[in-house]
C-alpha atoms as a PDB file:
ATOM      1  CA  PHE A   1     -79.769  -6.855 -32.497  1.00  0.00           C
ATOM      2  CA  GLU A   2     -76.640  -8.258 -30.807  1.00  0.00           C
ATOM      3  CA  THR A   3     -75.776  -4.728 -29.558  1.00  0.00           C
ATOM      4  CA  GLU A   4     -79.180  -4.224 -28.046  1.00  0.00           C
ATOM      5  CA  ARG A   5     -79.092  -7.612 -26.263  1.00  0.00           C
ATOM      6  CA  THR A   6     -75.618  -6.907 -24.843  1.00  0.00           C
ATOM      7  CA  THR A   7     -76.800  -3.556 -23.402  1.00  0.00           C
ATOM      8  CA  GLU A   8     -79.812  -5.188 -21.796  1.00  0.00           C
ATOM      9  CA  GLU A   9     -77.572  -7.910 -20.161  1.00  0.00           C
ATOM     10  CA  GLN A  10     -75.231  -5.257 -18.833  1.00  0.00           C
ATOM     11  CA  GLN A  11     -78.103  -3.359 -17.231  1.00  0.00           C
ATOM     12  CA  LYS A  12     -79.427  -6.513 -15.621  1.00  0.00           C
ATOM     13  CA  ALA A  13     -75.944  -7.294 -14.269  1.00  0.00           C
ATOM     14  CA  SER A  14     -75.325  -3.873 -12.843  1.00  0.00           C
ATOM     15  CA  GLY A  15     -78.691  -3.694 -11.065  1.00  0.00           C
ATOM     16  CA  PRO A  16     -77.672  -5.966  -8.131  1.00  0.00           C
ATOM     17  CA  ARG A  17     -74.359  -4.077  -7.814  1.00  0.00           C
ATOM     18  CA  GLN A  18     -76.098  -0.753  -7.362  1.00  0.00           C
ATOM     19  CA  HIS A  19     -78.467  -2.212  -4.822  1.00  0.00           C
ATOM     20  CA  THR A  20     -75.560  -3.664  -2.930  1.00  0.00           C
ATOM     21  CA  ARG A  21     -73.698  -0.359  -2.853  1.00  0.00           C
ATOM     22  CA  LEU A  22     -76.773   1.468  -1.673  1.00  0.00           C
ATOM     23  CA  ALA A  23     -77.295  -1.060   1.147  1.00  0.00           C
ATOM     24  CA  MET A  24     -73.693  -0.703   2.252  1.00  0.00           C
ATOM     25  CA  ALA A  25     -73.986   3.133   2.300  1.00  0.00           C
ATOM     26  CA  LEU A  26     -77.124   2.883   4.431  1.00  0.00           C
ATOM     27  CA  ARG A  27     -75.416   0.531   6.832  1.00  0.00           C
ATOM     28  CA  LEU A  28     -72.415   2.836   7.214  1.00  0.00           C
ATOM     29  CA  ALA A  29     -74.720   5.847   7.829  1.00  0.00           C
ATOM     30  CA  ALA A  30     -76.640   3.947  10.518  1.00  0.00           C
ATOM     31  CA  ARG A  31     -73.427   2.855  12.162  1.00  0.00           C
ATOM     32  CA  GLY A  32     -71.973   6.398  12.173  1.00  0.00           C
ATOM     33  CA  ALA A  33     -75.185   7.721  13.626  1.00  0.00           C
ATOM     34  CA  ALA A  34     -75.084   5.177  16.427  1.00  0.00           C
ATOM     35  CA  LEU A  35     -71.458   5.927  17.265  1.00  0.00           C
ATOM     36  CA  GLY A  36     -72.098   9.655  17.192  1.00  0.00           C
ATOM     37  CA  ALA A  37     -74.983   9.290  19.605  1.00  0.00           C
ATOM     38  CA  ARG A  38     -72.819   7.339  22.079  1.00  0.00           C
ATOM     39  CA  ALA A  39     -70.054  10.018  21.973  1.00  0.00           C
ATOM     40  CA  GLY A  40     -72.506  12.935  22.198  1.00  0.00           C
ATOM     41  CA  ARG A  41     -71.650  14.114  18.678  1.00  0.00           C
ATOM     42  CA  PRO A  42     -73.951  13.909  15.639  1.00  0.00           C
ATOM     43  CA  PHE A  43     -73.071  12.099  12.435  1.00  0.00           C
ATOM     44  CA  LEU A  44     -73.315  14.618   9.566  1.00  0.00           C
ATOM     45  CA  GLY A  45     -74.781  12.118   7.223  1.00  0.00           C
ATOM     46  CA  SER A  46     -77.649  11.140   9.421  1.00  0.00           C
ATOM     47  CA  ARG A  47     -81.136  12.565   9.532  1.00  0.00           C
ATOM     48  CA  THR A  48     -80.925  12.598  13.347  1.00  0.00           C
ATOM     49  CA  ALA A  49     -77.905  14.888  13.403  1.00  0.00           C
ATOM     50  CA  THR A  50     -79.722  17.479  15.481  1.00  0.00           C
ATOM     51  CA  ALA A  51     -80.834  14.962  18.065  1.00  0.00           C
ATOM     52  CA  ALA A  52     -77.447  14.831  19.787  1.00  0.00           C
ATOM     53  CA  PRO A  53     -75.828  18.217  20.189  1.00  0.00           C
ATOM     54  CA  MET A  54     -72.031  18.547  19.958  1.00  0.00           C
ATOM     55  CA  ARG A  55     -70.139  19.374  23.127  1.00  0.00           C
ATOM     56  CA  PRO A  56     -68.136  22.593  22.611  1.00  0.00           C
ATOM     57  CA  CYS A  57     -64.319  22.446  23.202  1.00  0.00           C
ATOM     58  CA  LEU A  58     -63.169  25.616  25.049  1.00  0.00           C
ATOM     59  CA  ALA A  59     -59.558  24.551  25.553  1.00  0.00           C
ATOM     60  CA  PRO A  60     -56.879  27.195  24.744  1.00  0.00           C
ATOM     61  CA  LEU A  61     -54.614  26.739  21.756  1.00  0.00           C
ATOM     62  CA  GLY A  62     -51.482  24.698  22.179  1.00  0.00           C
ATOM     63  CA  GLY A  63     -53.073  22.184  24.541  1.00  0.00           C
ATOM     64  CA  LEU A  64     -52.410  24.262  27.672  1.00  0.00           C
ATOM     65  CA  ARG A  65     -55.915  23.755  28.840  1.00  0.00           C
ATOM     66  CA  SER A  66     -55.782  24.543  32.531  1.00  0.00           C
ATOM     67  CA  LEU A  67     -53.047  27.245  32.695  1.00  0.00           C
ATOM     68  CA  ALA A  68     -55.430  30.191  32.443  1.00  0.00           C
ATOM     69  CA  GLY A  69     -58.183  28.436  34.342  1.00  0.00           C
ATOM     70  CA  TRP A  70     -60.327  28.056  31.198  1.00  0.00           C
ATOM     71  CA  PRO A  71     -62.935  25.265  31.171  1.00  0.00           C
ATOM     72  CA  THR A  72     -62.791  22.426  28.715  1.00  0.00           C
ATOM     73  CA  ALA A  73     -65.282  19.899  27.425  1.00  0.00           C
ATOM     74  CA  ASP A  74     -64.318  17.631  30.343  1.00  0.00           C
ATOM     75  CA  GLY A  75     -63.665  20.370  32.781  1.00  0.00           C
ATOM     76  CA  ALA A  76     -64.345  18.267  35.826  1.00  0.00           C
ATOM     77  CA  ASN A  77     -61.043  16.320  35.180  1.00  0.00           C
ATOM     78  CA  ASP A  78     -58.786  19.394  34.691  1.00  0.00           C
ATOM     79  CA  PHE A  79     -56.532  20.746  37.513  1.00  0.00           C
ATOM     80  CA  HIS A  80     -56.300  24.568  37.497  1.00  0.00           C
ATOM     81  CA  GLY A  81     -52.864  26.003  38.070  1.00  0.00           C
ATOM     82  CA  THR A  82     -53.909  29.194  39.982  1.00  0.00           C
ATOM     83  CA  THR A  83     -51.605  32.232  40.118  1.00  0.00           C
ATOM     84  CA  ILE A  84     -47.843  32.886  40.241  1.00  0.00           C
ATOM     85  CA  LEU A  85     -46.429  36.480  40.410  1.00  0.00           C
ATOM     86  CA  SER A  86     -42.876  37.884  40.312  1.00  0.00           C
ATOM     87  CA  VAL A  87     -41.955  41.488  41.116  1.00  0.00           C
ATOM     88  CA  ARG A  88     -38.468  43.042  40.793  1.00  0.00           C
ATOM     89  CA  ARG A  89     -37.844  46.470  42.476  1.00  0.00           C
ATOM     90  CA  GLY A  90     -35.116  48.171  44.422  1.00  0.00           C
ATOM     91  CA  GLY A  91     -32.473  45.394  44.200  1.00  0.00           C
ATOM     92  CA  LYS A  92     -34.978  42.760  45.285  1.00  0.00           C
ATOM     93  CA  VAL A  93     -36.886  40.163  43.322  1.00  0.00           C
ATOM     94  CA  VAL A  94     -39.896  38.295  44.760  1.00  0.00           C
ATOM     95  CA  VAL A  95     -41.801  35.300  43.497  1.00  0.00           C
ATOM     96  CA  ILE A  96     -45.089  34.589  45.212  1.00  0.00           C
ATOM     97  CA  GLY A  97     -47.724  31.926  44.539  1.00  0.00           C
ATOM     98  CA  ASP A  98     -50.926  30.811  46.170  1.00  0.00           C
ATOM     99  CA  GLY A  99     -51.686  27.281  47.428  1.00  0.00           C
ATOM    100  CA  GLN A 100     -54.931  26.269  45.852  1.00  0.00           C
ATOM    101  CA  ILE A 101     -55.379  23.321  43.510  1.00  0.00           C
ATOM    102  CA  SER A 102     -58.819  22.937  41.949  1.00  0.00           C
ATOM    103  CA  GLN A 103     -60.368  20.095  40.039  1.00  0.00           C
ATOM    104  CA  GLY A 104     -63.398  21.374  38.256  1.00  0.00           C
ATOM    105  CA  ASN A 105     -65.527  23.187  40.849  1.00  0.00           C
ATOM    106  CA  THR A 106     -63.820  21.443  43.789  1.00  0.00           C
ATOM    107  CA  VAL A 107     -60.924  22.625  45.823  1.00  0.00           C
ATOM    108  CA  VAL A 108     -58.612  19.629  46.208  1.00  0.00           C
ATOM    109  CA  LYS A 109     -55.854  21.232  48.163  1.00  0.00           C
ATOM    110  CA  GLY A 110     -55.282  24.635  49.717  1.00  0.00           C
ATOM    111  CA  ASN A 111     -51.637  24.590  50.861  1.00  0.00           C
ATOM    112  CA  ALA A 112     -49.704  23.435  47.766  1.00  0.00           C
ATOM    113  CA  ILE A 113     -46.222  24.827  47.207  1.00  0.00           C
ATOM    114  CA  LYS A 114     -45.721  26.074  43.684  1.00  0.00           C
ATOM    115  CA  VAL A 115     -42.732  28.335  44.261  1.00  0.00           C
ATOM    116  CA  ARG A 116     -39.345  26.686  44.798  1.00  0.00           C
ATOM    117  CA  ARG A 117     -35.702  27.754  45.045  1.00  0.00           C
ATOM    118  CA  ILE A 118     -33.766  25.437  42.771  1.00  0.00           C
ATOM    119  CA  GLY A 119     -30.333  27.181  42.956  1.00  0.00           C
ATOM    120  CA  GLY A 120     -28.057  28.840  45.389  1.00  0.00           C
ATOM    121  CA  SER A 121     -25.651  27.674  48.033  1.00  0.00           C
ATOM    122  CA  ALA A 122     -26.537  26.430  51.465  1.00  0.00           C
ATOM    123  CA  ASP A 123     -25.116  29.581  53.182  1.00  0.00           C
ATOM    124  CA  GLY A 124     -27.732  31.778  51.419  1.00  0.00           C
ATOM    125  CA  ASP A 125     -25.457  33.346  48.866  1.00  0.00           C
ATOM    126  CA  SER A 126     -27.697  34.908  46.201  1.00  0.00           C
ATOM    127  CA  SER A 127     -25.158  35.022  43.366  1.00  0.00           C
ATOM    128  CA  SER A 128     -26.368  31.681  42.033  1.00  0.00           C
ATOM    129  CA  ALA A 129     -29.813  31.566  43.556  1.00  0.00           C
ATOM    130  CA  VAL A 130     -32.676  30.775  41.147  1.00  0.00           C
ATOM    131  CA  ILE A 131     -36.326  30.794  41.977  1.00  0.00           C
ATOM    132  CA  ALA A 132     -39.013  29.013  39.865  1.00  0.00           C
ATOM    133  CA  GLY A 133     -42.809  29.152  40.098  1.00  0.00           C
ATOM    134  CA  PHE A 134     -45.121  27.063  37.996  1.00  0.00           C
ATOM    135  CA  ALA A 135     -48.714  26.967  36.875  1.00  0.00           C
ATOM    136  CA  GLY A 136     -50.309  23.858  35.354  1.00  0.00           C
ATOM    137  CA  ALA A 137     -50.098  20.171  35.963  1.00  0.00           C
ATOM    138  CA  THR A 138     -48.001  19.517  39.054  1.00  0.00           C
ATOM    139  CA  ALA A 139     -46.269  16.375  37.765  1.00  0.00           C
ATOM    140  CA  ASP A 140     -45.419  18.099  34.426  1.00  0.00           C
ATOM    141  CA  ALA A 141     -44.034  21.148  36.203  1.00  0.00           C
ATOM    142  CA  LEU A 142     -41.866  19.086  38.567  1.00  0.00           C
ATOM    143  CA  THR A 143     -40.438  17.241  35.589  1.00  0.00           C
ATOM    144  CA  LEU A 144     -39.615  20.501  33.948  1.00  0.00           C
ATOM    145  CA  LEU A 145     -38.038  21.822  37.191  1.00  0.00           C
ATOM    146  CA  ASP A 146     -35.790  18.773  37.311  1.00  0.00           C
ATOM    147  CA  ARG A 147     -34.683  19.405  33.704  1.00  0.00           C
ATOM    148  CA  LEU A 148     -34.097  23.035  34.458  1.00  0.00           C
ATOM    149  CA  GLU A 149     -31.870  22.142  37.401  1.00  0.00           C
ATOM    150  CA  LYS A 150     -29.828  19.863  35.170  1.00  0.00           C
ATOM    151  CA  LYS A 151     -29.414  22.658  32.632  1.00  0.00           C
ATOM    152  CA  LEU A 152     -28.235  25.043  35.434  1.00  0.00           C
ATOM    153  CA  GLU A 153     -25.678  22.441  36.368  1.00  0.00           C
ATOM    154  CA  GLN A 154     -24.547  22.196  32.803  1.00  0.00           C
ATOM    155  CA  TYR A 155     -24.465  26.057  32.410  1.00  0.00           C
ATOM    156  CA  PRO A 156     -23.725  27.415  35.932  1.00  0.00           C
ATOM    157  CA  GLY A 157     -24.526  31.098  36.391  1.00  0.00           C
ATOM    158  CA  GLN A 158     -26.222  31.326  32.962  1.00  0.00           C
ATOM    159  CA  LEU A 159     -29.939  31.336  33.632  1.00  0.00           C
ATOM    160  CA  THR A 160     -30.948  32.759  30.226  1.00  0.00           C
ATOM    161  CA  ARG A 161     -28.980  30.147  28.331  1.00  0.00           C
ATOM    162  CA  SER A 162     -30.236  27.368  30.579  1.00  0.00           C
ATOM    163  CA  CYS A 163     -33.796  28.443  29.985  1.00  0.00           C
ATOM    164  CA  VAL A 164     -33.321  28.677  26.220  1.00  0.00           C
ATOM    165  CA  GLU A 165     -31.826  25.159  26.115  1.00  0.00           C
ATOM    166  CA  LEU A 166     -34.768  23.856  28.217  1.00  0.00           C
ATOM    167  CA  ALA A 167     -37.296  25.607  25.893  1.00  0.00           C
ATOM    168  CA  LYS A 168     -35.673  23.998  22.859  1.00  0.00           C
ATOM    169  CA  LEU A 169     -35.778  20.628  24.457  1.00  0.00           C
ATOM    170  CA  TRP A 170     -39.354  21.214  25.711  1.00  0.00           C
ATOM    171  CA  ARG A 171     -40.485  22.093  22.198  1.00  0.00           C
ATOM    172  CA  THR A 172     -38.762  19.364  20.198  1.00  0.00           C
ATOM    173  CA  ASP A 173     -38.707  16.295  22.563  1.00  0.00           C
ATOM    174  CA  LYS A 174     -41.488  13.874  21.792  1.00  0.00           C
ATOM    175  CA  TYR A 175     -42.204  13.260  25.480  1.00  0.00           C
ATOM    176  CA  LEU A 176     -41.565  16.756  26.898  1.00  0.00           C
ATOM    177  CA  ARG A 177     -43.729  18.570  24.389  1.00  0.00           C
ATOM    178  CA  ARG A 178     -46.814  16.846  25.872  1.00  0.00           C
ATOM    179  CA  LEU A 179     -46.188  18.512  29.212  1.00  0.00           C
ATOM    180  CA  GLU A 180     -48.732  21.107  30.131  1.00  0.00           C
ATOM    181  CA  ALA A 181     -47.255  23.805  32.331  1.00  0.00           C
ATOM    182  CA  ILE A 182     -45.879  27.352  32.289  1.00  0.00           C
ATOM    183  CA  MET A 183     -42.972  28.554  34.414  1.00  0.00           C
ATOM    184  CA  VAL A 184     -41.650  31.783  35.899  1.00  0.00           C
ATOM    185  CA  VAL A 185     -37.857  31.665  36.524  1.00  0.00           C
ATOM    186  CA  VAL A 186     -35.862  34.506  38.110  1.00  0.00           C
ATOM    187  CA  ASP A 187     -32.374  35.147  39.474  1.00  0.00           C
ATOM    188  CA  LYS A 188     -30.700  38.353  40.731  1.00  0.00           C
ATOM    189  CA  ASP A 189     -30.438  39.721  37.150  1.00  0.00           C
ATOM    190  CA  VAL A 190     -33.319  38.497  34.950  1.00  0.00           C
ATOM    191  CA  SER A 191     -36.943  37.468  35.142  1.00  0.00           C
ATOM    192  CA  LEU A 192     -38.147  34.961  32.510  1.00  0.00           C
ATOM    193  CA  THR A 193     -41.307  33.195  31.432  1.00  0.00           C
ATOM    194  CA  LEU A 194     -41.046  29.742  29.809  1.00  0.00           C
ATOM    195  CA  THR A 195     -43.820  28.058  27.781  1.00  0.00           C
ATOM    196  CA  GLY A 196     -44.295  24.842  25.928  1.00  0.00           C
ATOM    197  CA  ASN A 197     -44.315  26.737  22.567  1.00  0.00           C
ATOM    198  CA  GLY A 198     -40.641  27.404  22.840  1.00  0.00           C
ATOM    199  CA  ASP A 199     -40.978  30.985  24.262  1.00  0.00           C
ATOM    200  CA  VAL A 200     -38.420  32.407  26.665  1.00  0.00           C
ATOM    201  CA  ILE A 201     -39.774  35.876  27.502  1.00  0.00           C
ATOM    202  CA  GLN A 202     -37.928  38.440  29.577  1.00  0.00           C
ATOM    203  CA  SER A 203     -40.089  41.038  31.389  1.00  0.00           C
ATOM    204  CA  PRO A 204     -39.346  44.612  30.399  1.00  0.00           C
ATOM    205  CA  ASP A 205     -40.434  46.044  33.835  1.00  0.00           C
ATOM    206  CA  GLY A 206     -39.613  43.120  36.068  1.00  0.00           C
ATOM    207  CA  VAL A 207     -43.243  42.112  36.641  1.00  0.00           C
ATOM    208  CA  ILE A 208     -44.462  38.701  35.508  1.00  0.00           C
ATOM    209  CA  ALA A 209     -47.737  36.869  36.334  1.00  0.00           C
ATOM    210  CA  VAL A 210     -49.114  33.589  34.971  1.00  0.00           C
ATOM    211  CA  GLY A 211     -52.075  31.354  35.863  1.00  0.00           C
ATOM    212  CA  SER A 212     -55.797  31.734  36.194  1.00  0.00           C
ATOM    213  CA  GLY A 213     -55.440  34.968  38.210  1.00  0.00           C
ATOM    214  CA  GLY A 214     -52.392  36.164  36.385  1.00  0.00           C
ATOM    215  CA  LEU A 215     -53.988  39.092  34.671  1.00  0.00           C
ATOM    216  CA  TYR A 216     -55.516  40.458  37.929  1.00  0.00           C
ATOM    217  CA  ALA A 217     -52.133  40.130  39.723  1.00  0.00           C
ATOM    218  CA  LEU A 218     -50.203  41.607  36.793  1.00  0.00           C
ATOM    219  CA  SER A 219     -52.466  44.611  36.502  1.00  0.00           C
ATOM    220  CA  ALA A 220     -52.349  45.346  40.254  1.00  0.00           C
ATOM    221  CA  ALA A 221     -48.581  44.838  40.513  1.00  0.00           C
ATOM    222  CA  ARG A 222     -47.831  47.137  37.567  1.00  0.00           C
ATOM    223  CA  ALA A 223     -50.059  49.817  38.990  1.00  0.00           C
ATOM    224  CA  LEU A 224     -48.351  49.608  42.392  1.00  0.00           C
ATOM    225  CA  ASN A 225     -44.863  49.326  40.808  1.00  0.00           C
ATOM    226  CA  GLY A 226     -45.476  52.618  39.017  1.00  0.00           C
ATOM    227  CA  LEU A 227     -46.034  54.520  42.334  1.00  0.00           C
ATOM    228  CA  GLU A 228     -43.021  56.537  43.457  1.00  0.00           C
ATOM    229  CA  SER A 229     -43.156  55.484  47.043  1.00  0.00           C
ATOM    230  CA  GLU A 230     -40.179  54.174  49.112  1.00  0.00           C
ATOM    231  CA  ASN A 231     -42.548  52.424  51.516  1.00  0.00           C
ATOM    232  CA  LEU A 232     -43.541  49.893  48.824  1.00  0.00           C
ATOM    233  CA  ASP A 233     -40.808  47.378  48.206  1.00  0.00           C
ATOM    234  CA  ALA A 234     -41.050  44.333  45.920  1.00  0.00           C
ATOM    235  CA  GLU A 235     -42.505  42.017  48.514  1.00  0.00           C
ATOM    236  CA  GLU A 236     -45.187  44.448  49.693  1.00  0.00           C
ATOM    237  CA  ILE A 237     -46.212  45.055  46.038  1.00  0.00           C
ATOM    238  CA  ALA A 238     -46.387  41.313  45.401  1.00  0.00           C
ATOM    239  CA  ARG A 239     -48.452  40.635  48.414  1.00  0.00           C
ATOM    240  CA  ARG A 240     -50.962  43.399  47.701  1.00  0.00           C
ATOM    241  CA  ALA A 241     -51.324  42.359  44.063  1.00  0.00           C
ATOM    242  CA  MET A 242     -51.881  38.686  45.042  1.00  0.00           C
ATOM    243  CA  ALA A 243     -54.520  39.860  47.497  1.00  0.00           C
ATOM    244  CA  VAL A 244     -56.397  41.479  44.545  1.00  0.00           C
ATOM    245  CA  ALA A 245     -56.028  38.270  42.469  1.00  0.00           C
ATOM    246  CA  SER A 246     -57.262  36.050  45.333  1.00  0.00           C
ATOM    247  CA  ASP A 247     -60.341  38.316  45.760  1.00  0.00           C
ATOM    248  CA  LEU A 248     -61.228  38.217  42.121  1.00  0.00           C
ATOM    249  CA  CYS A 249     -60.184  34.678  40.954  1.00  0.00           C
ATOM    250  CA  VAL A 250     -62.040  31.623  42.431  1.00  0.00           C
ATOM    251  CA  PHE A 251     -59.058  29.432  41.653  1.00  0.00           C
ATOM    252  CA  THR A 252     -56.659  31.537  43.801  1.00  0.00           C
ATOM    253  CA  ASN A 253     -56.554  31.498  47.638  1.00  0.00           C
ATOM    254  CA  ALA A 254     -54.689  33.608  50.200  1.00  0.00           C
ATOM    255  CA  ASN A 255     -52.260  30.894  51.373  1.00  0.00           C
ATOM    256  CA  TYR A 256     -49.094  32.287  49.857  1.00  0.00           C
ATOM    257  CA  THR A 257     -45.606  30.903  49.358  1.00  0.00           C
ATOM    258  CA  VAL A 258     -42.948  33.643  49.032  1.00  0.00           C
ATOM    259  CA  GLU A 259     -39.376  33.339  47.860  1.00  0.00           C
ATOM    260  CA  VAL A 260     -37.083  36.464  47.875  1.00  0.00           C
ATOM    261  CA  ILE A 261     -33.669  37.175  46.391  1.00  0.00           C
ATOM    262  CA  GLU A 262     -31.899  40.294  47.805  1.00  0.00           C
ATOM    263  CA  ALA A 263     -28.454  41.674  47.365  1.00  0.00           C
ATOM    264  CA  GLY A 264     -26.374  39.287  49.340  1.00  0.00           C
ATOM    265  CA  LYS A 265     -28.933  36.833  50.542  1.00  0.00           C
ATOM    266  CA  ALA A 266     -31.880  34.620  49.526  1.00  0.00           C
ATOM    267  CA  ALA A 267     -34.886  34.044  51.809  1.00  0.00           C
ATOM    268  CA  SER A 268     -38.132  32.128  51.810  1.00  0.00           C
ATOM    269  CA  LYS A 269     -41.321  32.889  53.731  1.00  0.00           C
END
């Protein structure tokens, strides 16, 4: 008799607890549904999960959202980095970039300079000349260019080592690894691509292209570079390839900045 009475008392005592837990669960579900509706995302535990569709995220892996000109969930706030191309042929290396900066579907600026010479003496000696082009966020790229210039001062005449050291710092530093840009760096000997993933890639044929129109420019430049014609030098190939990219890519215009390194001199156009 005592055992039965004890069991009945436990059931009576546990009843309010169960009701309290159920009420708390219902309140949490309602709060989650409300927050999901505000953010445009459904709460999975709510019956109204289908009422607010999720916004797809189309950003590329690694956080480099705008380098290839791909849209994101908030594409109106992303600056596209357009196109940078480098061609090496006949003792000459050329880096060319367009001048367009786009924010969403709007052209913000059409004459930006994204190709710069960060090395070389004032008399035009090309033995230490280094040309860099960037795609991505402008402030991020300028920060990386400043770091690269410091590495070149630390390792003069060693572009590959300087780029490797910068890539290591870019990958491991808590501040630098948040920078979203991609760089093309060349001198009289090598052509390199630097990314935030720690990659330092040397082109096997001397042709490099990055940015939203990079694939178009790369394809055209490689096709023209394979032609056995003495009339086509590196600069002519680069200009023709960029013309193809600017015709096909809406984030690339025909306002070009050209930097050239030749045997014995470095020139800009």
